[in-house]
Amino acid sequence: MSGYLEAYGAGDEKRSKIIRWTAITVVAVLVVGLLLYFGFRNYREDRIANLFVELLKTQDYQAAYRLWGCTPESPCPDYSMEKFMEDWGPKSPYGSPANVEVKHPPRGRGIIARVRNVLGIDYSCESGVIYTLDYGKGEPVLLYVTRKEKTLSFAPWPVCNPRMEAAPPAL
């Protein structure tokens, strides 16, 4: 009779091990998947922003202008090649692009702000990504890379969804 009771509960123990390892594997795959998603979701846009800076460093202004979705043959109606050269050319008010850094705009301090920065909540918008070109002096330049067309423009705000305070009611 002792041989009969020795195997009692062995199936339950084996089943609980399988369930435990399955749960651990699913959680690990989800964590790795989320890390990969948040790490690479802006990869193409990052490359375009860095390419723009590299083109400015090599003074290939025609190719840099094309990244804005414009060409010298068909210039953008609101951003001509002359205006582009004023902004980004050798006489640019921003200075030399030799030591420019491409960053994301920082937001606040504290643990919540750091988590928001790591996850890209404030600068990774639905239709594009916001970048900061830091020249080391003066105000940084905010750029926006659209996801669909992969073109550059100036970012209207330093965050994706700015919260505008309502004006107080007139008395």
N, C-alpha and C. Protein backbone atom coordinates (compact mmCIF):
# COMPACT_ATOMS: atom_id res chain seq x y z
N MET A 1 0.80 -1.19 0.00
CA MET A 1 0.00 0.00 0.00
C MET A 1 0.85 1.27 0.00
N SER A 2 2.10 1.17 0.47
CA SER A 2 2.93 2.36 0.53
C SER A 2 3.31 2.85 -0.87
N GLY A 3 3.49 1.98 -1.84
CA GLY A 3 3.81 2.37 -3.21
C GLY A 3 2.68 3.16 -3.85
N TYR A 4 1.46 2.86 -3.47
CA TYR A 4 0.30 3.55 -4.02
C TYR A 4 0.28 5.01 -3.57
N LEU A 5 0.61 5.29 -2.31
CA LEU A 5 0.53 6.64 -1.78
C LEU A 5 1.77 7.49 -2.10
N GLU A 6 2.86 6.88 -2.52
CA GLU A 6 4.06 7.65 -2.84
C GLU A 6 3.84 8.55 -4.06
N ALA A 7 3.08 8.15 -5.02
CA ALA A 7 2.84 8.93 -6.23
C ALA A 7 1.71 9.93 -6.04
N TYR A 8 1.08 9.95 -4.86
CA TYR A 8 -0.04 10.85 -4.62
C TYR A 8 0.45 12.31 -4.64
N GLY A 9 -0.12 13.17 -5.46
CA GLY A 9 0.22 14.58 -5.54
C GLY A 9 1.35 14.90 -6.51
N ALA A 10 1.99 13.90 -7.10
CA ALA A 10 3.09 14.15 -8.04
C ALA A 10 2.58 14.85 -9.30
N GLY A 11 1.40 14.51 -9.76
CA GLY A 11 0.83 15.16 -10.94
C GLY A 11 0.49 16.61 -10.67
N ASP A 12 -0.02 16.90 -9.46
CA ASP A 12 -0.34 18.29 -9.11
C ASP A 12 0.93 19.13 -9.02
N GLU A 13 1.98 18.54 -8.47
CA GLU A 13 3.25 19.27 -8.34
C GLU A 13 3.83 19.56 -9.72
N LYS A 14 3.76 18.59 -10.61
CA LYS A 14 4.28 18.78 -11.97
C LYS A 14 3.46 19.85 -12.70
N ARG A 15 2.16 19.82 -12.54
CA ARG A 15 1.28 20.80 -13.19
C ARG A 15 1.57 22.21 -12.66
N SER A 16 1.79 22.35 -11.35
CA SER A 16 2.06 23.68 -10.79
C SER A 16 3.40 24.22 -11.29
N LYS A 17 4.40 23.33 -11.48
CA LYS A 17 5.68 23.76 -12.04
C LYS A 17 5.51 24.26 -13.47
N ILE A 18 4.72 23.55 -14.26
CA ILE A 18 4.49 23.95 -15.64
C ILE A 18 3.79 25.31 -15.68
N ILE A 19 2.79 25.50 -14.84
CA ILE A 19 2.05 26.77 -14.79
C ILE A 19 2.98 27.90 -14.36
N ARG A 20 3.81 27.65 -13.34
CA ARG A 20 4.73 28.67 -12.83
C ARG A 20 5.72 29.08 -13.91
N TRP A 21 6.35 28.11 -14.59
CA TRP A 21 7.33 28.44 -15.63
C TRP A 21 6.68 29.09 -16.85
N THR A 22 5.46 28.71 -17.15
CA THR A 22 4.74 29.35 -18.26
C THR A 22 4.47 30.81 -17.92
N ALA A 23 4.03 31.08 -16.70
CA ALA A 23 3.76 32.46 -16.28
C ALA A 23 5.04 33.29 -16.29
N ILE A 24 6.14 32.74 -15.79
CA ILE A 24 7.41 33.46 -15.78
C ILE A 24 7.87 33.76 -17.21
N THR A 25 7.72 32.80 -18.10
CA THR A 25 8.12 32.99 -19.49
C THR A 25 7.28 34.06 -20.17
N VAL A 26 5.97 34.03 -19.94
CA VAL A 26 5.08 35.03 -20.55
C VAL A 26 5.44 36.43 -20.05
N VAL A 27 5.68 36.59 -18.76
CA VAL A 27 6.05 37.89 -18.20
C VAL A 27 7.39 38.35 -18.77
N ALA A 28 8.36 37.44 -18.86
CA ALA A 28 9.67 37.80 -19.41
C ALA A 28 9.56 38.23 -20.87
N VAL A 29 8.77 37.52 -21.66
CA VAL A 29 8.59 37.88 -23.07
C VAL A 29 7.91 39.24 -23.18
N LEU A 30 6.92 39.51 -22.34
CA LEU A 30 6.25 40.82 -22.36
C LEU A 30 7.22 41.94 -21.99
N VAL A 31 8.03 41.73 -20.97
CA VAL A 31 8.99 42.76 -20.56
C VAL A 31 10.00 43.02 -21.67
N VAL A 32 10.55 41.97 -22.25
CA VAL A 32 11.51 42.14 -23.35
C VAL A 32 10.84 42.81 -24.54
N GLY A 33 9.62 42.42 -24.86
CA GLY A 33 8.89 43.04 -25.96
C GLY A 33 8.66 44.52 -25.73
N LEU A 34 8.27 44.90 -24.52
CA LEU A 34 8.06 46.32 -24.21
C LEU A 34 9.37 47.10 -24.28
N LEU A 35 10.44 46.52 -23.77
CA LEU A 35 11.74 47.19 -23.85
C LEU A 35 12.17 47.40 -25.30
N LEU A 36 11.98 46.39 -26.13
CA LEU A 36 12.32 46.52 -27.54
C LEU A 36 11.43 47.56 -28.23
N TYR A 37 10.15 47.56 -27.90
CA TYR A 37 9.23 48.53 -28.50
C TYR A 37 9.64 49.95 -28.15
N PHE A 38 9.82 50.23 -26.85
CA PHE A 38 10.17 51.58 -26.45
C PHE A 38 11.59 51.96 -26.87
N GLY A 39 12.46 50.98 -27.05
CA GLY A 39 13.82 51.28 -27.48
C GLY A 39 13.93 51.57 -28.97
N PHE A 40 13.10 50.94 -29.79
CA PHE A 40 13.24 51.06 -31.24
C PHE A 40 12.07 51.72 -31.95
N ARG A 41 11.07 52.20 -31.25
CA ARG A 41 9.92 52.75 -31.96
C ARG A 41 10.23 54.04 -32.69
N ASN A 42 11.25 54.78 -32.27
CA ASN A 42 11.64 56.02 -32.94
C ASN A 42 12.93 55.86 -33.73
N TYR A 43 13.31 54.65 -34.05
CA TYR A 43 14.60 54.39 -34.68
C TYR A 43 14.76 55.14 -36.01
N ARG A 44 13.78 55.05 -36.88
CA ARG A 44 13.87 55.70 -38.19
C ARG A 44 13.92 57.22 -38.06
N GLU A 45 13.11 57.75 -37.14
CA GLU A 45 13.09 59.19 -36.93
C GLU A 45 14.41 59.67 -36.33
N ASP A 46 14.99 58.87 -35.42
CA ASP A 46 16.30 59.20 -34.85
C ASP A 46 17.36 59.28 -35.95
N ARG A 47 17.30 58.35 -36.87
CA ARG A 47 18.28 58.34 -37.96
C ARG A 47 18.14 59.57 -38.85
N ILE A 48 16.91 60.01 -39.09
CA ILE A 48 16.70 61.20 -39.93
C ILE A 48 17.23 62.45 -39.23
N ALA A 49 16.95 62.59 -37.94
CA ALA A 49 17.46 63.75 -37.19
C ALA A 49 18.98 63.76 -37.17
N ASN A 50 19.59 62.61 -36.96
CA ASN A 50 21.06 62.54 -36.95
C ASN A 50 21.64 62.75 -38.35
N LEU A 51 20.94 62.26 -39.38
CA LEU A 51 21.39 62.49 -40.76
C LEU A 51 21.36 63.98 -41.09
N PHE A 52 20.33 64.68 -40.64
CA PHE A 52 20.23 66.12 -40.88
C PHE A 52 21.45 66.84 -40.30
N VAL A 53 21.81 66.50 -39.07
CA VAL A 53 22.97 67.14 -38.44
C VAL A 53 24.25 66.78 -39.18
N GLU A 54 24.38 65.52 -39.61
CA GLU A 54 25.57 65.11 -40.36
C GLU A 54 25.66 65.86 -41.69
N LEU A 55 24.53 66.06 -42.36
CA LEU A 55 24.53 66.80 -43.62
C LEU A 55 24.92 68.26 -43.40
N LEU A 56 24.48 68.84 -42.28
CA LEU A 56 24.89 70.21 -41.96
C LEU A 56 26.39 70.27 -41.68
N LYS A 57 26.92 69.26 -41.00
CA LYS A 57 28.36 69.24 -40.70
C LYS A 57 29.20 69.14 -41.97
N THR A 58 28.72 68.36 -42.94
CA THR A 58 29.45 68.22 -44.20
C THR A 58 29.08 69.30 -45.21
N GLN A 59 28.23 70.23 -44.81
CA GLN A 59 27.77 71.36 -45.62
C GLN A 59 27.08 70.91 -46.91
N ASP A 60 26.36 69.81 -46.84
CA ASP A 60 25.54 69.35 -47.96
C ASP A 60 24.13 69.89 -47.75
N TYR A 61 23.98 71.18 -48.03
CA TYR A 61 22.72 71.87 -47.72
C TYR A 61 21.58 71.45 -48.64
N GLN A 62 21.89 71.05 -49.87
CA GLN A 62 20.83 70.59 -50.79
C GLN A 62 20.16 69.33 -50.23
N ALA A 63 20.97 68.37 -49.78
CA ALA A 63 20.41 67.13 -49.23
C ALA A 63 19.69 67.41 -47.91
N ALA A 64 20.22 68.32 -47.11
CA ALA A 64 19.56 68.67 -45.85
C ALA A 64 18.22 69.34 -46.13
N TYR A 65 18.16 70.16 -47.16
CA TYR A 65 16.90 70.82 -47.53
C TYR A 65 15.88 69.79 -48.02
N ARG A 66 16.34 68.74 -48.69
CA ARG A 66 15.43 67.68 -49.14
C ARG A 66 14.80 66.95 -47.96
N LEU A 67 15.50 66.87 -46.83
CA LEU A 67 14.92 66.23 -45.64
C LEU A 67 13.72 67.00 -45.10
N TRP A 68 13.59 68.26 -45.47
CA TRP A 68 12.44 69.06 -45.07
C TRP A 68 11.28 68.84 -46.05
N GLY A 69 11.47 67.97 -47.02
CA GLY A 69 10.42 67.71 -48.00
C GLY A 69 10.43 68.71 -49.13
N CYS A 70 11.51 69.45 -49.28
CA CYS A 70 11.62 70.49 -50.30
C CYS A 70 12.82 70.18 -51.19
N THR A 71 12.76 70.70 -52.40
CA THR A 71 13.90 70.60 -53.31
C THR A 71 14.14 71.98 -53.90
N PRO A 72 15.33 72.24 -54.40
CA PRO A 72 15.57 73.54 -55.04
C PRO A 72 14.68 73.74 -56.27
N GLU A 73 14.32 72.64 -56.96
CA GLU A 73 13.46 72.74 -58.14
C GLU A 73 12.02 73.07 -57.74
N SER A 74 11.55 72.45 -56.67
CA SER A 74 10.19 72.73 -56.19
C SER A 74 10.27 73.06 -54.69
N PRO A 75 10.65 74.30 -54.38
CA PRO A 75 10.81 74.67 -52.98
C PRO A 75 9.48 74.69 -52.23
N CYS A 76 9.57 74.55 -50.95
CA CYS A 76 8.37 74.64 -50.12
C CYS A 76 7.85 76.07 -50.17
N PRO A 77 6.54 76.26 -50.23
CA PRO A 77 6.02 77.62 -50.36
C PRO A 77 6.35 78.51 -49.16
N ASP A 78 6.44 77.93 -47.98
CA ASP A 78 6.69 78.73 -46.79
C ASP A 78 8.13 78.66 -46.30
N TYR A 79 8.98 77.88 -46.98
CA TYR A 79 10.36 77.72 -46.52
C TYR A 79 11.27 77.57 -47.73
N SER A 80 11.68 78.70 -48.28
CA SER A 80 12.52 78.70 -49.48
C SER A 80 13.95 78.29 -49.13
N MET A 81 14.72 77.99 -50.16
CA MET A 81 16.12 77.61 -49.96
C MET A 81 16.91 78.77 -49.34
N GLU A 82 16.56 80.01 -49.70
CA GLU A 82 17.24 81.17 -49.13
C GLU A 82 16.99 81.25 -47.62
N LYS A 83 15.75 81.03 -47.22
CA LYS A 83 15.42 81.05 -45.79
C LYS A 83 16.10 79.88 -45.08
N PHE A 84 16.15 78.73 -45.72
CA PHE A 84 16.83 77.57 -45.15
C PHE A 84 18.30 77.89 -44.92
N MET A 85 18.94 78.54 -45.89
CA MET A 85 20.36 78.89 -45.75
C MET A 85 20.56 79.94 -44.65
N GLU A 86 19.59 80.84 -44.48
CA GLU A 86 19.68 81.78 -43.36
C GLU A 86 19.64 81.04 -42.03
N ASP A 87 18.77 80.03 -41.94
CA ASP A 87 18.61 79.30 -40.69
C ASP A 87 19.74 78.31 -40.43
N TRP A 88 20.21 77.61 -41.46
CA TRP A 88 21.13 76.50 -41.26
C TRP A 88 22.47 76.64 -41.96
N GLY A 89 22.64 77.63 -42.80
CA GLY A 89 23.87 77.78 -43.57
C GLY A 89 25.05 78.26 -42.74
N PRO A 90 26.12 78.67 -43.43
CA PRO A 90 27.34 79.10 -42.73
C PRO A 90 27.12 80.31 -41.83
N LYS A 91 26.16 81.17 -42.18
CA LYS A 91 25.90 82.37 -41.37
C LYS A 91 24.71 82.15 -40.44
N SER A 92 24.49 80.92 -40.06
CA SER A 92 23.37 80.57 -39.19
C SER A 92 23.49 81.25 -37.83
N PRO A 93 22.37 81.70 -37.27
CA PRO A 93 22.43 82.30 -35.92
C PRO A 93 22.73 81.26 -34.84
N TYR A 94 22.59 79.99 -35.17
CA TYR A 94 22.82 78.94 -34.17
C TYR A 94 24.29 78.62 -34.00
N GLY A 95 25.11 78.92 -34.98
CA GLY A 95 26.53 78.62 -34.89
C GLY A 95 26.88 77.40 -35.70
N SER A 96 28.08 76.92 -35.48
CA SER A 96 28.59 75.77 -36.22
C SER A 96 27.94 74.48 -35.74
N PRO A 97 27.57 73.60 -36.68
CA PRO A 97 26.98 72.32 -36.26
C PRO A 97 28.02 71.29 -35.84
N ALA A 98 29.27 71.70 -35.71
CA ALA A 98 30.34 70.75 -35.39
C ALA A 98 30.13 70.06 -34.05
N ASN A 99 29.60 70.78 -33.07
CA ASN A 99 29.44 70.17 -31.75
C ASN A 99 27.98 70.15 -31.29
N VAL A 100 27.07 70.07 -32.24
CA VAL A 100 25.65 70.03 -31.89
C VAL A 100 25.28 68.64 -31.38
N GLU A 101 24.37 68.60 -30.43
CA GLU A 101 23.87 67.33 -29.89
C GLU A 101 22.39 67.20 -30.22
N VAL A 102 22.00 66.03 -30.70
CA VAL A 102 20.59 65.73 -30.95
C VAL A 102 20.05 65.04 -29.71
N LYS A 103 19.06 65.65 -29.08
CA LYS A 103 18.48 65.11 -27.85
C LYS A 103 16.97 65.16 -27.95
N HIS A 104 16.35 64.61 -26.94
CA HIS A 104 14.91 64.79 -26.77
C HIS A 104 14.72 65.85 -25.71
N PRO A 105 13.66 66.64 -25.80
CA PRO A 105 13.47 67.70 -24.81
C PRO A 105 13.27 67.11 -23.41
N PRO A 106 14.03 67.56 -22.42
CA PRO A 106 13.83 67.06 -21.06
C PRO A 106 12.57 67.64 -20.45
N ARG A 107 11.97 66.90 -19.56
CA ARG A 107 10.74 67.36 -18.91
C ARG A 107 10.86 67.15 -17.41
N GLY A 108 10.94 68.22 -16.68
CA GLY A 108 10.82 68.19 -15.24
C GLY A 108 11.85 67.35 -14.51
N ARG A 109 11.61 67.21 -13.22
CA ARG A 109 12.48 66.44 -12.35
C ARG A 109 11.65 65.42 -11.60
N GLY A 110 12.31 64.50 -10.99
CA GLY A 110 11.61 63.50 -10.20
C GLY A 110 11.43 62.20 -10.96
N ILE A 111 10.97 61.22 -10.24
CA ILE A 111 10.85 59.87 -10.80
C ILE A 111 9.79 59.79 -11.90
N ILE A 112 8.67 60.49 -11.73
CA ILE A 112 7.61 60.45 -12.75
C ILE A 112 8.11 61.06 -14.05
N ALA A 113 8.81 62.19 -13.97
CA ALA A 113 9.34 62.83 -15.18
C ALA A 113 10.37 61.95 -15.86
N ARG A 114 11.19 61.25 -15.07
CA ARG A 114 12.20 60.37 -15.67
C ARG A 114 11.55 59.18 -16.38
N VAL A 115 10.53 58.62 -15.77
CA VAL A 115 9.82 57.51 -16.41
C VAL A 115 9.17 58.00 -17.70
N ARG A 116 8.56 59.19 -17.67
CA ARG A 116 7.95 59.75 -18.88
C ARG A 116 9.00 59.97 -19.97
N ASN A 117 10.21 60.42 -19.59
CA ASN A 117 11.28 60.61 -20.57
C ASN A 117 11.74 59.29 -21.16
N VAL A 118 11.92 58.27 -20.31
CA VAL A 118 12.38 56.96 -20.80
C VAL A 118 11.35 56.36 -21.75
N LEU A 119 10.08 56.48 -21.40
CA LEU A 119 9.02 55.92 -22.25
C LEU A 119 8.72 56.79 -23.45
N GLY A 120 9.23 58.02 -23.46
CA GLY A 120 9.00 58.90 -24.60
C GLY A 120 7.60 59.45 -24.66
N ILE A 121 6.94 59.57 -23.55
CA ILE A 121 5.55 60.01 -23.54
C ILE A 121 5.42 61.45 -24.01
N ASP A 122 6.36 62.31 -23.64
CA ASP A 122 6.23 63.72 -23.95
C ASP A 122 6.75 64.10 -25.33
N TYR A 123 7.70 63.36 -25.87
CA TYR A 123 8.30 63.77 -27.14
C TYR A 123 8.01 62.82 -28.29
N SER A 124 7.48 61.65 -28.04
CA SER A 124 7.17 60.71 -29.10
C SER A 124 5.67 60.78 -29.36
N CYS A 125 5.31 61.59 -30.34
CA CYS A 125 3.90 61.84 -30.63
C CYS A 125 3.36 60.78 -31.59
N GLU A 126 2.07 60.80 -31.79
CA GLU A 126 1.44 59.85 -32.70
C GLU A 126 1.91 60.06 -34.13
N SER A 127 2.06 61.33 -34.54
CA SER A 127 2.41 61.60 -35.93
C SER A 127 3.89 61.94 -36.14
N GLY A 128 4.69 61.99 -35.07
CA GLY A 128 6.10 62.32 -35.23
C GLY A 128 6.84 62.34 -33.91
N VAL A 129 8.10 62.77 -33.98
CA VAL A 129 8.97 62.80 -32.81
C VAL A 129 9.62 64.18 -32.71
N ILE A 130 9.70 64.70 -31.49
CA ILE A 130 10.31 66.01 -31.23
C ILE A 130 11.76 65.82 -30.80
N TYR A 131 12.65 66.61 -31.38
CA TYR A 131 14.07 66.58 -31.04
C TYR A 131 14.54 67.97 -30.67
N THR A 132 15.59 68.03 -29.86
CA THR A 132 16.24 69.27 -29.50
C THR A 132 17.64 69.25 -30.07
N LEU A 133 17.98 70.27 -30.84
CA LEU A 133 19.36 70.44 -31.30
C LEU A 133 20.01 71.43 -30.36
N ASP A 134 20.95 70.94 -29.57
CA ASP A 134 21.62 71.76 -28.56
C ASP A 134 22.99 72.15 -29.08
N TYR A 135 23.16 73.44 -29.35
CA TYR A 135 24.43 73.95 -29.86
C TYR A 135 25.38 74.35 -28.74
N GLY A 136 24.95 74.23 -27.50
CA GLY A 136 25.80 74.57 -26.37
C GLY A 136 25.71 76.02 -25.96
N LYS A 137 25.19 76.87 -26.82
CA LYS A 137 25.02 78.27 -26.46
C LYS A 137 23.66 78.72 -26.97
N GLY A 138 23.04 79.58 -26.25
CA GLY A 138 21.74 80.08 -26.67
C GLY A 138 20.63 79.05 -26.49
N GLU A 139 19.51 79.36 -27.09
CA GLU A 139 18.34 78.49 -26.99
C GLU A 139 18.50 77.28 -27.91
N PRO A 140 18.09 76.11 -27.44
CA PRO A 140 18.12 74.94 -28.34
C PRO A 140 17.03 75.07 -29.41
N VAL A 141 17.24 74.39 -30.51
CA VAL A 141 16.30 74.41 -31.63
C VAL A 141 15.45 73.15 -31.55
N LEU A 142 14.13 73.32 -31.65
CA LEU A 142 13.21 72.18 -31.60
C LEU A 142 12.87 71.75 -33.03
N LEU A 143 13.13 70.48 -33.33
CA LEU A 143 12.80 69.91 -34.64
C LEU A 143 11.73 68.83 -34.47
N TYR A 144 10.99 68.61 -35.53
CA TYR A 144 9.93 67.61 -35.53
C TYR A 144 10.11 66.73 -36.77
N VAL A 145 10.20 65.42 -36.58
CA VAL A 145 10.30 64.47 -37.69
C VAL A 145 8.96 63.75 -37.80
N THR A 146 8.31 63.88 -38.95
CA THR A 146 7.01 63.22 -39.13
C THR A 146 7.24 61.73 -39.39
N ARG A 147 6.33 60.93 -38.86
CA ARG A 147 6.46 59.48 -39.01
C ARG A 147 6.11 59.02 -40.43
N LYS A 148 5.07 59.59 -41.00
CA LYS A 148 4.57 59.11 -42.28
C LYS A 148 5.49 59.52 -43.44
N GLU A 149 5.78 60.81 -43.56
CA GLU A 149 6.59 61.29 -44.68
C GLU A 149 8.08 61.27 -44.40
N LYS A 150 8.47 61.13 -43.12
CA LYS A 150 9.89 61.17 -42.72
C LYS A 150 10.54 62.49 -43.13
N THR A 151 9.83 63.60 -42.90
CA THR A 151 10.35 64.92 -43.21
C THR A 151 10.53 65.71 -41.92
N LEU A 152 11.36 66.74 -42.01
CA LEU A 152 11.65 67.61 -40.87
C LEU A 152 10.82 68.88 -40.92
N SER A 153 10.61 69.46 -39.76
CA SER A 153 10.03 70.80 -39.64
C SER A 153 10.41 71.32 -38.26
N PHE A 154 10.11 72.57 -38.01
CA PHE A 154 10.31 73.10 -36.67
C PHE A 154 9.17 72.61 -35.80
N ALA A 155 9.48 72.21 -34.58
CA ALA A 155 8.44 71.72 -33.66
C ALA A 155 7.71 72.93 -33.07
N PRO A 156 6.38 72.91 -33.08
CA PRO A 156 5.65 74.05 -32.54
C PRO A 156 5.72 74.12 -31.01
N TRP A 157 5.87 72.99 -30.34
CA TRP A 157 5.93 72.93 -28.89
C TRP A 157 7.02 71.96 -28.46
N PRO A 158 7.50 72.07 -27.23
CA PRO A 158 8.50 71.12 -26.76
C PRO A 158 7.92 69.78 -26.32
N VAL A 159 6.60 69.65 -26.28
CA VAL A 159 5.95 68.40 -25.91
C VAL A 159 4.87 68.09 -26.93
N CYS A 160 4.40 66.84 -26.94
CA CYS A 160 3.40 66.43 -27.93
C CYS A 160 2.03 67.06 -27.70
N ASN A 161 1.54 66.96 -26.51
CA ASN A 161 0.21 67.47 -26.20
C ASN A 161 0.32 68.54 -25.13
N PRO A 162 0.61 69.77 -25.54
CA PRO A 162 0.77 70.81 -24.53
C PRO A 162 -0.55 71.12 -23.86
N ARG A 163 -0.46 71.37 -22.59
CA ARG A 163 -1.65 71.76 -21.84
C ARG A 163 -1.69 73.27 -21.77
N MET A 164 -2.60 73.84 -22.48
CA MET A 164 -2.73 75.29 -22.49
C MET A 164 -3.70 75.69 -21.38
N GLU A 165 -3.26 76.63 -20.58
CA GLU A 165 -4.15 77.10 -19.53
C GLU A 165 -5.17 78.04 -20.14
N ALA A 166 -6.39 77.87 -19.71
CA ALA A 166 -7.46 78.72 -20.20
C ALA A 166 -7.31 80.11 -19.60
N ALA A 167 -7.63 81.10 -20.39
CA ALA A 167 -7.57 82.47 -19.91
C ALA A 167 -8.66 82.67 -18.86
N PRO A 168 -8.36 83.45 -17.83
CA PRO A 168 -9.40 83.69 -16.83
C PRO A 168 -10.55 84.47 -17.45
N PRO A 169 -11.74 84.24 -16.97
CA PRO A 169 -12.89 84.94 -17.54
C PRO A 169 -12.80 86.45 -17.29
N ALA A 170 -13.21 87.20 -18.29
CA ALA A 170 -13.19 88.66 -18.17
C ALA A 170 -14.28 89.10 -17.21
N LEU A 171 -13.94 90.07 -16.41
CA LEU A 171 -14.93 90.58 -15.44
C LEU A 171 -15.66 91.76 -15.97
